Amino acid sequence: MVELQEIFDVSYGSKLDLNKMSSFNPTINFVGRSGKNNGVTASVDLLKNTKPYPAGLLTVALGGSVLSTFLQNKPFYTAQNVAVLNPKTEMTEQQKLFYCAAIFANAYRFSACGREANRTLRQLFVPSLDEIPSWVESVNLNPSAGVTEPKLKESLDLPVVRQSKRLDEIFTIQNGIAATKLKEFEQRQKDTVVYIRPASTQARTLRSYIARDSVDEKHIFPCHTLFTSTNGEGSHTYSYVSTCEFVANSDVAVLTPIQSDMPIEVKLYYAKCITANRYLFSYGRKPKGEKLKSIMLPYFDQQEDFDYICRFIHTLLFSNNL
């Protein structure tokens, strides 16, 4: 272990006040004492007589969210009580992020408006470069690279709809089960399954986790199952394809294709088509029973139609994840 000042040149930042900055043409990040958003609290105009710090340096909050340490990826100014660390020797991005974590691990020693880190930051003990674990260099800093890319680099028109059928002629409908007598957990436990609810975004459909043995197996649906909201205080008709096995609550209908070999891409297409019918419903007119069954949807009975829909979906952003 060595003192921080042996590894970094420590300066005490730009010492600017955000309320005195302008933002007519903001191009420079303003780093404050926040522990969120990489410490960046605003974007401001470039000052004529004050040069911003370059990207690649570390910032440390000395008050506020004490010792919140971040690697800045854009030029920046700092607020009062923010230190800037410049490595004395060349470091990789992984090493810099390791020191962000190492510095922040000492936050328990300090407090805002009490024992702040202004005077003692330089003497803070951290691992030397030789003591950095070997696994640090192997960390992938961009695990989401390519997730927004389409699977196919081509442009296709929407599938041509030649005929339509009622929803219940394309899917069998099974309603979910009520939460009554179910024991729900906020966090995933051993042998639990996701319990979903209506929501306007798929991420918010997770209501809770329930014990697998507390429900009949027929109510547990596999990954890549299509479902739609039939109630939900404004979340009706939103439809999604599941990313894990689940149990639906009583305000969700599960749609199983009558044609059993329907690809996930076609299910995604139908999820969008069903959601597009939201305008037909309201708080007083929910898509339940006959109203849900009678929604008219495009119908495709040729394998070449399915193939085209799959190709079309593969041209959309994020389809590289399918």
Foldseek 3Di string as FASTA:
>chain_A
DAFQLVFWPKDFFPADDPVVFAAPPFDAFEAELDLPPQRTDDTTDDDPPDFFDAFQKKKAAQADQHRQIGRGHGTHGYHGRIMIIDGPDDDDPLVRVVVSVQRSVCSVVAHHPGRTCVPCNRRDDGDDPVPPDPCSVVDDPCPCPPLFAFQDADDDDDFDFPDKDFLVVFWPKDFFAACPPWDWAADDDPQWFFEFAFDQDPVNRGDTITHNVVDDPVQKAAAQWKKFFQADQPRHQQIDGGHGIYGYYRRMMTIAGPPNPQDSLVSRVVNVVSSVCPVVADNVRTCDDPNVRGDMDGDDDDVVSSVVSVVNRSNGTSNVVD
